[in-house]
C-alpha atoms as a PDB file:
ATOM      1  CA  UNK A   1      93.555  68.568 100.830  1.00  0.00           C
ATOM      2  CA  UNK A   2      94.157  70.952  97.916  1.00  0.00           C
ATOM      3  CA  UNK A   3      93.471  74.673  98.151  1.00  0.00           C
ATOM      4  CA  UNK A   4      91.361  76.306  95.427  1.00  0.00           C
ATOM      5  CA  UNK A   5      92.817  79.732  94.593  1.00  0.00           C
ATOM      6  CA  UNK A   6      91.390  82.843  92.905  1.00  0.00           C
ATOM      7  CA  UNK A   7      93.496  85.806  91.779  1.00  0.00           C
ATOM      8  CA  UNK A   8      91.624  89.092  91.363  1.00  0.00           C
ATOM      9  CA  UNK A   9      93.185  91.966  89.405  1.00  0.00           C
ATOM     10  CA  UNK A  10      95.558  90.647  86.762  1.00  0.00           C
ATOM     11  CA  UNK A  11      97.218  93.448  84.879  1.00  0.00           C
ATOM     12  CA  UNK A  12      99.482  95.115  87.446  1.00  0.00           C
ATOM     13  CA  UNK A  13     103.083  94.262  88.243  1.00  0.00           C
ATOM     14  CA  UNK A  14     102.198  91.117  90.183  1.00  0.00           C
ATOM     15  CA  UNK A  15      99.433  89.529  88.099  1.00  0.00           C
ATOM     16  CA  UNK A  16     101.704  87.714  85.670  1.00  0.00           C
ATOM     17  CA  UNK A  17     104.361  86.611  88.193  1.00  0.00           C
ATOM     18  CA  UNK A  18     101.786  85.220  90.629  1.00  0.00           C
ATOM     19  CA  UNK A  19      99.789  83.379  87.964  1.00  0.00           C
ATOM     20  CA  UNK A  20     102.981  81.908  86.472  1.00  0.00           C
ATOM     21  CA  UNK A  21     104.128  80.674  89.862  1.00  0.00           C
ATOM     22  CA  UNK A  22     100.782  79.156  90.826  1.00  0.00           C
ATOM     23  CA  UNK A  23     100.759  76.841  87.801  1.00  0.00           C
ATOM     24  CA  UNK A  24     104.407  75.742  87.944  1.00  0.00           C
ATOM     25  CA  UNK A  25     104.455  72.003  88.764  1.00  0.00           C
ATOM     26  CA  UNK A  26     107.597  72.354  90.892  1.00  0.00           C
ATOM     27  CA  UNK A  27     105.865  74.953  93.087  1.00  0.00           C
ATOM     28  CA  UNK A  28     102.598  73.058  93.464  1.00  0.00           C
ATOM     29  CA  UNK A  29     102.138  70.504  96.219  1.00  0.00           C
ATOM     30  CA  UNK A  30      98.549  71.179  97.198  1.00  0.00           C
ATOM     31  CA  UNK A  31      97.034  73.844  94.941  1.00  0.00           C
ATOM     32  CA  UNK A  32      93.929  72.770  93.058  1.00  0.00           C
ATOM     33  CA  UNK A  33      93.904  73.558  89.345  1.00  0.00           C
ATOM     34  CA  UNK A  34      92.701  75.437  87.434  1.00  0.00           C
ATOM     35  CA  UNK A  35      93.512  78.767  89.072  1.00  0.00           C
ATOM     36  CA  UNK A  36      90.584  81.181  88.817  1.00  0.00           C
ATOM     37  CA  UNK A  37      91.751  84.526  87.378  1.00  0.00           C
ATOM     38  CA  UNK A  38      89.234  87.372  87.700  1.00  0.00           C
ATOM     39  CA  UNK A  39      89.470  90.840  86.178  1.00  0.00           C
ATOM     40  CA  UNK A  40      87.317  93.611  84.763  1.00  0.00           C
ATOM     41  CA  UNK A  41      88.592  92.773  81.289  1.00  0.00           C
ATOM     42  CA  UNK A  42      89.719  89.170  80.842  1.00  0.00           C
ATOM     43  CA  UNK A  43      90.272  89.617  77.103  1.00  0.00           C
ATOM     44  CA  UNK A  44      93.992  90.036  77.782  1.00  0.00           C
ATOM     45  CA  UNK A  45      95.453  86.966  79.438  1.00  0.00           C
ATOM     46  CA  UNK A  46      98.804  87.800  81.100  1.00  0.00           C
ATOM     47  CA  UNK A  47      99.710  84.099  81.249  1.00  0.00           C
ATOM     48  CA  UNK A  48      98.630  81.509  78.683  1.00  0.00           C
ATOM     49  CA  UNK A  49      97.917  78.228  80.432  1.00  0.00           C
ATOM     50  CA  UNK A  50      95.294  75.503  80.371  1.00  0.00           C
ATOM     51  CA  UNK A  51      95.581  75.570  84.163  1.00  0.00           C
ATOM     52  CA  UNK A  52      94.155  79.108  84.418  1.00  0.00           C
ATOM     53  CA  UNK A  53      90.452  79.875  84.033  1.00  0.00           C
ATOM     54  CA  UNK A  54      89.881  83.526  83.115  1.00  0.00           C
ATOM     55  CA  UNK A  55      86.590  85.226  83.910  1.00  0.00           C
ATOM     56  CA  UNK A  56      85.096  88.700  84.292  1.00  0.00           C
ATOM     57  CA  UNK A  57      83.750  90.369  87.428  1.00  0.00           C
ATOM     58  CA  UNK A  58      83.948  93.831  88.954  1.00  0.00           C
ATOM     59  CA  UNK A  59      81.144  94.071  91.525  1.00  0.00           C
ATOM     60  CA  UNK A  60      79.717  92.174  94.488  1.00  0.00           C
ATOM     61  CA  UNK A  61      77.342  89.950  92.499  1.00  0.00           C
ATOM     62  CA  UNK A  62      79.977  89.113  89.917  1.00  0.00           C
ATOM     63  CA  UNK A  63      82.580  88.228  92.543  1.00  0.00           C
ATOM     64  CA  UNK A  64      80.101  86.228  94.611  1.00  0.00           C
ATOM     65  CA  UNK A  65      79.084  84.160  91.603  1.00  0.00           C
ATOM     66  CA  UNK A  66      82.688  83.055  90.999  1.00  0.00           C
ATOM     67  CA  UNK A  67      83.985  82.656  94.549  1.00  0.00           C
ATOM     68  CA  UNK A  68      81.834  79.816  95.880  1.00  0.00           C
ATOM     69  CA  UNK A  69      84.170  76.899  96.566  1.00  0.00           C
ATOM     70  CA  UNK A  70      87.290  79.078  96.612  1.00  0.00           C
ATOM     71  CA  UNK A  71      89.598  78.742  99.638  1.00  0.00           C
ATOM     72  CA  UNK A  72      92.097  81.569  99.036  1.00  0.00           C
ATOM     73  CA  UNK A  73      91.519  84.936  97.345  1.00  0.00           C
ATOM     74  CA  UNK A  74      94.579  86.945  96.285  1.00  0.00           C
ATOM     75  CA  UNK A  75      93.649  90.608  95.830  1.00  0.00           C
ATOM     76  CA  UNK A  76      95.875  92.385  93.301  1.00  0.00           C
ATOM     77  CA  UNK A  77      93.521  95.222  92.437  1.00  0.00           C
ATOM     78  CA  UNK A  78      95.299  98.578  92.081  1.00  0.00           C
ATOM     79  CA  UNK A  79      94.349 101.739  93.919  1.00  0.00           C
ATOM     80  CA  UNK A  80      95.587 103.368  97.100  1.00  0.00           C
ATOM     81  CA  UNK A  81      92.514 105.366  98.056  1.00  0.00           C
ATOM     82  CA  UNK A  82      89.500 104.182  96.053  1.00  0.00           C
ATOM     83  CA  UNK A  83      88.859 100.448  96.192  1.00  0.00           C
ATOM     84  CA  UNK A  84      85.355  99.130  96.775  1.00  0.00           C
ATOM     85  CA  UNK A  85      84.647  96.604  99.523  1.00  0.00           C
ATOM     86  CA  UNK A  86      82.730  94.355  97.113  1.00  0.00           C
ATOM     87  CA  UNK A  87      85.493  91.765  96.827  1.00  0.00           C
ATOM     88  CA  UNK A  88      86.016  91.450 100.583  1.00  0.00           C
ATOM     89  CA  UNK A  89      82.300  91.151 101.309  1.00  0.00           C
ATOM     90  CA  UNK A  90      81.720  88.694  98.467  1.00  0.00           C
ATOM     91  CA  UNK A  91      84.661  86.597  99.685  1.00  0.00           C
ATOM     92  CA  UNK A  92      83.214  86.408 103.190  1.00  0.00           C
ATOM     93  CA  UNK A  93      79.697  85.621 101.961  1.00  0.00           C
ATOM     94  CA  UNK A  94      80.963  82.926  99.575  1.00  0.00           C
ATOM     95  CA  UNK A  95      82.792  81.110 102.370  1.00  0.00           C
ATOM     96  CA  UNK A  96      86.344  81.977 101.320  1.00  0.00           C
ATOM     97  CA  UNK A  97      88.769  81.087 104.106  1.00  0.00           C
ATOM     98  CA  UNK A  98      91.829  83.260 103.376  1.00  0.00           C
ATOM     99  CA  UNK A  99      92.044  86.784 101.948  1.00  0.00           C
ATOM    100  CA  UNK A 100      95.513  87.875 100.804  1.00  0.00           C
ATOM    101  CA  UNK A 101      95.278  91.656 100.868  1.00  0.00           C
ATOM    102  CA  UNK A 102      96.586  93.932  98.129  1.00  0.00           C
ATOM    103  CA  UNK A 103      99.344  95.022 100.463  1.00  0.00           C
ATOM    104  CA  UNK A 104     102.716  94.018  98.999  1.00  0.00           C
ATOM    105  CA  UNK A 105     104.895  96.708 100.560  1.00  0.00           C
ATOM    106  CA  UNK A 106     107.104  97.665 103.509  1.00  0.00           C
ATOM    107  CA  UNK A 107     105.501  97.298 106.932  1.00  0.00           C
ATOM    108  CA  UNK A 108     103.188 100.271 106.465  1.00  0.00           C
ATOM    109  CA  UNK A 109     100.940  99.216 109.344  1.00  0.00           C
ATOM    110  CA  UNK A 110     103.824  99.937 111.711  1.00  0.00           C
ATOM    111  CA  UNK A 111     104.306 103.514 110.480  1.00  0.00           C
ATOM    112  CA  UNK A 112     102.320 106.652 111.313  1.00  0.00           C
ATOM    113  CA  UNK A 113     101.800 107.436 107.616  1.00  0.00           C
ATOM    114  CA  UNK A 114     100.667 104.223 105.943  1.00  0.00           C
ATOM    115  CA  UNK A 115      96.961 104.385 106.691  1.00  0.00           C
ATOM    116  CA  UNK A 116      96.571 107.867 105.220  1.00  0.00           C
ATOM    117  CA  UNK A 117      98.386 107.189 101.949  1.00  0.00           C
ATOM    118  CA  UNK A 118      96.869 103.704 101.513  1.00  0.00           C
ATOM    119  CA  UNK A 119      93.490 104.338 103.114  1.00  0.00           C
ATOM    120  CA  UNK A 120      91.517 102.094 100.789  1.00  0.00           C
ATOM    121  CA  UNK A 121      93.816  99.126 101.319  1.00  0.00           C
ATOM    122  CA  UNK A 122      93.693  99.578 105.080  1.00  0.00           C
ATOM    123  CA  UNK A 123      89.904  99.650 104.825  1.00  0.00           C
ATOM    124  CA  UNK A 124      89.960  96.346 102.916  1.00  0.00           C
ATOM    125  CA  UNK A 125      92.059  94.755 105.661  1.00  0.00           C
ATOM    126  CA  UNK A 126      89.909  96.051 108.502  1.00  0.00           C
ATOM    127  CA  UNK A 127      86.707  94.892 106.797  1.00  0.00           C
ATOM    128  CA  UNK A 128      88.157  91.467 106.014  1.00  0.00           C
ATOM    129  CA  UNK A 129      89.081  90.988 109.657  1.00  0.00           C
ATOM    130  CA  UNK A 130      85.656  92.121 110.830  1.00  0.00           C
ATOM    131  CA  UNK A 131      84.142  89.584 108.414  1.00  0.00           C
ATOM    132  CA  UNK A 132      86.310  86.868 110.017  1.00  0.00           C
ATOM    133  CA  UNK A 133      88.437  86.181 106.971  1.00  0.00           C
ATOM    134  CA  UNK A 134      91.965  85.009 107.723  1.00  0.00           C
ATOM    135  CA  UNK A 135      93.648  88.153 106.395  1.00  0.00           C
ATOM    136  CA  UNK A 136      97.214  87.951 105.116  1.00  0.00           C
ATOM    137  CA  UNK A 137      99.474  90.993 104.818  1.00  0.00           C
ATOM    138  CA  UNK A 138     102.596  90.306 102.774  1.00  0.00           C
ATOM    139  CA  UNK A 139     105.414  92.689 103.611  1.00  0.00           C
ATOM    140  CA  UNK A 140     107.939  92.455 100.801  1.00  0.00           C
ATOM    141  CA  UNK A 141     109.972  95.621 101.284  1.00  0.00           C
ATOM    142  CA  UNK A 142     110.417  97.612  98.109  1.00  0.00           C
ATOM    143  CA  UNK A 143     109.980  95.964  94.725  1.00  0.00           C
ATOM    144  CA  UNK A 144     113.586  95.418  93.618  1.00  0.00           C
ATOM    145  CA  UNK A 145     112.736  96.446  90.058  1.00  0.00           C
ATOM    146  CA  UNK A 146     111.339  99.734  91.373  1.00  0.00           C
ATOM    147  CA  UNK A 147     114.544 100.481  93.301  1.00  0.00           C
ATOM    148  CA  UNK A 148     116.587  99.886  90.146  1.00  0.00           C
ATOM    149  CA  UNK A 149     114.340 102.139  88.074  1.00  0.00           C
ATOM    150  CA  UNK A 150     113.634 104.723  90.807  1.00  0.00           C
ATOM    151  CA  UNK A 151     116.572 104.710  93.240  1.00  0.00           C
ATOM    152  CA  UNK A 152     115.058 107.799  94.881  1.00  0.00           C
ATOM    153  CA  UNK A 153     112.972 105.295  96.860  1.00  0.00           C
ATOM    154  CA  UNK A 154     116.138 104.806  98.888  1.00  0.00           C
ATOM    155  CA  UNK A 155     117.187 108.443  98.668  1.00  0.00           C
ATOM    156  CA  UNK A 156     119.420 108.295  95.580  1.00  0.00           C
ATOM    157  CA  UNK A 157     119.097 111.111  93.035  1.00  0.00           C
ATOM    158  CA  UNK A 158     121.583 110.307  90.250  1.00  0.00           C
ATOM    159  CA  UNK A 159     120.394 113.244  88.118  1.00  0.00           C
ATOM    160  CA  UNK A 160     121.402 115.586  90.962  1.00  0.00           C
ATOM    161  CA  UNK A 161     124.535 113.658  91.881  1.00  0.00           C
ATOM    162  CA  UNK A 162     123.433 113.170  95.501  1.00  0.00           C
ATOM    163  CA  UNK A 163     121.921 110.684  97.898  1.00  0.00           C
ATOM    164  CA  UNK A 164     119.998 111.700 100.996  1.00  0.00           C
ATOM    165  CA  UNK A 165     120.887 110.076 104.290  1.00  0.00           C
ATOM    166  CA  UNK A 166     119.605 110.011 107.844  1.00  0.00           C
ATOM    167  CA  UNK A 167     120.569 107.836 110.770  1.00  0.00           C
ATOM    168  CA  UNK A 168     119.637 104.648 108.885  1.00  0.00           C
ATOM    169  CA  UNK A 169     122.053 105.001 105.941  1.00  0.00           C
ATOM    170  CA  UNK A 170     123.852 101.767 106.842  1.00  0.00           C
ATOM    171  CA  UNK A 171     120.759  99.771 107.842  1.00  0.00           C
ATOM    172  CA  UNK A 172     119.567  96.940 105.562  1.00  0.00           C
ATOM    173  CA  UNK A 173     116.587  97.729 103.341  1.00  0.00           C
ATOM    174  CA  UNK A 174     114.585  94.739 102.125  1.00  0.00           C
ATOM    175  CA  UNK A 175     113.936  94.394  98.394  1.00  0.00           C
ATOM    176  CA  UNK A 176     112.022  91.652  96.593  1.00  0.00           C
ATOM    177  CA  UNK A 177     111.813  90.858  92.883  1.00  0.00           C
ATOM    178  CA  UNK A 178     108.298  90.403  91.532  1.00  0.00           C
ATOM    179  CA  UNK A 179     108.979  86.855  90.301  1.00  0.00           C
ATOM    180  CA  UNK A 180     110.071  85.940  93.840  1.00  0.00           C
ATOM    181  CA  UNK A 181     106.875  87.475  95.217  1.00  0.00           C
ATOM    182  CA  UNK A 182     104.909  85.247  92.852  1.00  0.00           C
ATOM    183  CA  UNK A 183     106.775  82.148  94.010  1.00  0.00           C
ATOM    184  CA  UNK A 184     106.334  83.102  97.678  1.00  0.00           C
ATOM    185  CA  UNK A 185     102.588  83.530  97.139  1.00  0.00           C
ATOM    186  CA  UNK A 186     102.512  80.057  95.585  1.00  0.00           C
ATOM    187  CA  UNK A 187     104.353  78.767  98.643  1.00  0.00           C
ATOM    188  CA  UNK A 188     101.754  80.347 100.899  1.00  0.00           C
ATOM    189  CA  UNK A 189      98.908  78.784  98.902  1.00  0.00           C
ATOM    190  CA  UNK A 190     100.471  75.343  99.378  1.00  0.00           C
ATOM    191  CA  UNK A 191     100.195  75.584 103.165  1.00  0.00           C
ATOM    192  CA  UNK A 192      97.286  74.052 105.075  1.00  0.00           C
ATOM    193  CA  UNK A 193      94.729  76.801 105.664  1.00  0.00           C
ATOM    194  CA  UNK A 194      95.230  76.761 109.444  1.00  0.00           C
ATOM    195  CA  UNK A 195      99.007  77.135 109.008  1.00  0.00           C
ATOM    196  CA  UNK A 196      98.864  80.239 106.809  1.00  0.00           C
ATOM    197  CA  UNK A 197     100.272  83.179 108.812  1.00  0.00           C
ATOM    198  CA  UNK A 198      98.451  86.501 108.727  1.00  0.00           C
ATOM    199  CA  UNK A 199     101.664  88.516 109.029  1.00  0.00           C
ATOM    200  CA  UNK A 200     104.186  87.587 106.348  1.00  0.00           C
ATOM    201  CA  UNK A 201     107.640  89.116 105.853  1.00  0.00           C
ATOM    202  CA  UNK A 202     109.838  88.166 102.891  1.00  0.00           C
ATOM    203  CA  UNK A 203     112.761  89.536 100.927  1.00  0.00           C
ATOM    204  CA  UNK A 204     114.819  88.520  97.926  1.00  0.00           C
ATOM    205  CA  UNK A 205     117.786  90.393  99.328  1.00  0.00           C
ATOM    206  CA  UNK A 206     118.698  93.512 101.297  1.00  0.00           C
ATOM    207  CA  UNK A 207     120.961  96.485 100.705  1.00  0.00           C
ATOM    208  CA  UNK A 208     121.663  99.678 102.640  1.00  0.00           C
ATOM    209  CA  UNK A 209     121.573 103.192 101.222  1.00  0.00           C
ATOM    210  CA  UNK A 210     125.333 103.468 101.538  1.00  0.00           C
ATOM    211  CA  UNK A 211     125.862 100.169  99.727  1.00  0.00           C
ATOM    212  CA  UNK A 212     123.389 101.153  97.012  1.00  0.00           C
ATOM    213  CA  UNK A 213     125.141 104.480  96.393  1.00  0.00           C
ATOM    214  CA  UNK A 214     128.553 102.779  96.176  1.00  0.00           C
ATOM    215  CA  UNK A 215     127.152 100.123  93.866  1.00  0.00           C
ATOM    216  CA  UNK A 216     125.590 102.719  91.578  1.00  0.00           C
ATOM    217  CA  UNK A 217     128.884 104.604  91.366  1.00  0.00           C
ATOM    218  CA  UNK A 218     130.921 101.460  90.701  1.00  0.00           C
ATOM    219  CA  UNK A 219     128.594 100.357  87.889  1.00  0.00           C
ATOM    220  CA  UNK A 220     127.951 103.705  86.186  1.00  0.00           C
ATOM    221  CA  UNK A 221     131.061 105.697  87.096  1.00  0.00           C
ATOM    222  CA  UNK A 222     128.812 108.512  88.338  1.00  0.00           C
ATOM    223  CA  UNK A 223     129.718 109.612  91.858  1.00  0.00           C
ATOM    224  CA  UNK A 224     127.015 110.525  94.360  1.00  0.00           C
ATOM    225  CA  UNK A 225     127.595 112.951  97.221  1.00  0.00           C
ATOM    226  CA  UNK A 226     126.038 112.140 100.582  1.00  0.00           C
ATOM    227  CA  UNK A 227     123.659 114.854 101.798  1.00  0.00           C
ATOM    228  CA  UNK A 228     122.567 114.497 105.402  1.00  0.00           C
ATOM    229  CA  UNK A 229     118.947 115.398 106.184  1.00  0.00           C
ATOM    230  CA  UNK A 230     117.733 115.687 109.761  1.00  0.00           C
ATOM    231  CA  UNK A 231     115.413 112.830 110.607  1.00  0.00           C
ATOM    232  CA  UNK A 232     112.768 115.256 111.852  1.00  0.00           C
ATOM    233  CA  UNK A 233     112.740 117.069 108.496  1.00  0.00           C
ATOM    234  CA  UNK A 234     111.965 113.858 106.616  1.00  0.00           C
ATOM    235  CA  UNK A 235     109.302 112.907 109.157  1.00  0.00           C
ATOM    236  CA  UNK A 236     107.635 116.328 108.951  1.00  0.00           C
ATOM    237  CA  UNK A 237     107.373 115.978 105.164  1.00  0.00           C
ATOM    238  CA  UNK A 238     105.738 112.561 105.541  1.00  0.00           C
ATOM    239  CA  UNK A 239     103.423 113.899 108.277  1.00  0.00           C
ATOM    240  CA  UNK A 240     102.282 116.703 105.979  1.00  0.00           C
ATOM    241  CA  UNK A 241     101.534 114.283 103.152  1.00  0.00           C
ATOM    242  CA  UNK A 242      99.616 111.965 105.473  1.00  0.00           C
ATOM    243  CA  UNK A 243      97.563 114.819 106.909  1.00  0.00           C
ATOM    244  CA  UNK A 244      96.645 116.040 103.418  1.00  0.00           C
ATOM    245  CA  UNK A 245      95.336 112.576 102.415  1.00  0.00           C
ATOM    246  CA  UNK A 246      97.239 113.003  99.171  1.00  0.00           C
ATOM    247  CA  UNK A 247      96.724 110.386  96.462  1.00  0.00           C
ATOM    248  CA  UNK A 248      99.699 111.634  94.438  1.00  0.00           C
ATOM    249  CA  UNK A 249     102.148 108.931  93.376  1.00  0.00           C
ATOM    250  CA  UNK A 250     105.026 111.378  93.972  1.00  0.00           C
ATOM    251  CA  UNK A 251     103.866 111.936  97.540  1.00  0.00           C
ATOM    252  CA  UNK A 252     103.505 108.188  98.039  1.00  0.00           C
ATOM    253  CA  UNK A 253     107.136 107.766  96.975  1.00  0.00           C
ATOM    254  CA  UNK A 254     108.165 110.415  99.529  1.00  0.00           C
ATOM    255  CA  UNK A 255     106.375 108.477 102.268  1.00  0.00           C
ATOM    256  CA  UNK A 256     108.105 105.262 101.207  1.00  0.00           C
ATOM    257  CA  UNK A 257     111.382 107.160 101.226  1.00  0.00           C
ATOM    258  CA  UNK A 258     110.645 108.395 104.753  1.00  0.00           C
ATOM    259  CA  UNK A 259     110.098 104.807 105.875  1.00  0.00           C
ATOM    260  CA  UNK A 260     113.514 103.850 104.510  1.00  0.00           C
ATOM    261  CA  UNK A 261     115.301 106.949 105.822  1.00  0.00           C
ATOM    262  CA  UNK A 262     113.850 107.169 109.324  1.00  0.00           C
ATOM    263  CA  UNK A 263     112.471 103.787 110.463  1.00  0.00           C
ATOM    264  CA  UNK A 264     113.348 100.098 110.656  1.00  0.00           C
ATOM    265  CA  UNK A 265     110.065  99.036 109.063  1.00  0.00           C
ATOM    266  CA  UNK A 266     111.664  97.961 105.789  1.00  0.00           C
ATOM    267  CA  UNK A 267     114.258  95.590 107.230  1.00  0.00           C
ATOM    268  CA  UNK A 268     113.195  91.945 107.184  1.00  0.00           C
ATOM    269  CA  UNK A 269     116.720  90.564 106.810  1.00  0.00           C
ATOM    270  CA  UNK A 270     116.821  88.861 110.214  1.00  0.00           C
ATOM    271  CA  UNK A 271     113.208  87.933 110.918  1.00  0.00           C
ATOM    272  CA  UNK A 272     111.225  86.699 107.918  1.00  0.00           C
ATOM    273  CA  UNK A 273     109.134  83.874 106.447  1.00  0.00           C
ATOM    274  CA  UNK A 274     111.507  83.096 103.585  1.00  0.00           C
ATOM    275  CA  UNK A 275     112.134  79.481 104.573  1.00  0.00           C
ATOM    276  CA  UNK A 276     108.460  78.746 105.243  1.00  0.00           C
ATOM    277  CA  UNK A 277     107.312  79.980 101.847  1.00  0.00           C
ATOM    278  CA  UNK A 278     110.328  78.772  99.890  1.00  0.00           C
ATOM    279  CA  UNK A 279     110.619  75.278 101.406  1.00  0.00           C
ATOM    280  CA  UNK A 280     113.493  74.481  99.059  1.00  0.00           C
ATOM    281  CA  UNK A 281     111.441  75.053  95.901  1.00  0.00           C
ATOM    282  CA  UNK A 282     113.367  78.027  94.482  1.00  0.00           C
ATOM    283  CA  UNK A 283     116.346  80.334  94.956  1.00  0.00           C
ATOM    284  CA  UNK A 284     115.799  83.918  96.055  1.00  0.00           C
ATOM    285  CA  UNK A 285     117.109  86.421  93.495  1.00  0.00           C
ATOM    286  CA  UNK A 286     120.257  88.354  94.417  1.00  0.00           C
ATOM    287  CA  UNK A 287     120.063  92.119  94.053  1.00  0.00           C
ATOM    288  CA  UNK A 288     123.647  93.099  93.177  1.00  0.00           C
ATOM    289  CA  UNK A 289     124.073  91.016  89.978  1.00  0.00           C
ATOM    290  CA  UNK A 290     120.743  92.301  88.672  1.00  0.00           C
ATOM    291  CA  UNK A 291     121.659  95.886  89.547  1.00  0.00           C
ATOM    292  CA  UNK A 292     124.928  95.486  87.656  1.00  0.00           C
ATOM    293  CA  UNK A 293     123.131  94.256  84.546  1.00  0.00           C
ATOM    294  CA  UNK A 294     120.352  96.836  84.716  1.00  0.00           C
ATOM    295  CA  UNK A 295     122.494  99.918  85.310  1.00  0.00           C
ATOM    296  CA  UNK A 296     125.123  98.864  82.758  1.00  0.00           C
ATOM    297  CA  UNK A 297     122.455  98.480  80.091  1.00  0.00           C
ATOM    298  CA  UNK A 298     120.698 101.753  80.922  1.00  0.00           C
ATOM    299  CA  UNK A 299     123.701 104.082  81.275  1.00  0.00           C
END
């Protein structure tokens, strides 16, 4: 039986990649077309396809009207601290079976800081579970594109000529390219509803801080000096940000950095759902060749 899929929130980093993947014939075994694509402003269509039906909604009534008959809702709405519960409640009331939360990140649930810096997304998840929706959290590590553009996520500060390290400098850090996330979401939507896992871990590739610093130097010729920071110092900074309920993007980056520097909650290299969601349909993107191309072109 085919799954009917709705994607809500189209204009962020994942809207295009997920919509593209959902309508690729080679990635579609049991997804019913057309895909329903819902946003506040559907006048801009991130993907042109006869297999995508664009529509407008931004509140409970609007969502409810469109979601009857939908099996899987993929929530891509932006916002760390101020998302309404309208979509979750409308999904439950319309009989949606699976809610894929807007939670494409490291394993923030396992850290002491995630709930504070992503309060609204945690609230969505808790409400969805209370409403008996099968609630999927996709842990994808760091977006690989973000690491290339903002290597400070993994402690590298090229402008200062340094990289910060703690005890985890040689531990793998999972990274996933957005096109791979889209394909993995398509793989998930092909599964029978009862087989869809609620806890999903994927990665395109992994790289340690030490490897990333060496790679950056080899590509750009700019050396980076290792600066050791006590683990407790990094944790205290993240604790302070969490306690302040900051919604600053800079503070959010510092929390993500703390996860990489002090925990193992961004390493999915050994235990992941890659094979389940890939199922031979596509190749995961390697990080190093893309880093070479990106840093050569931007330096």
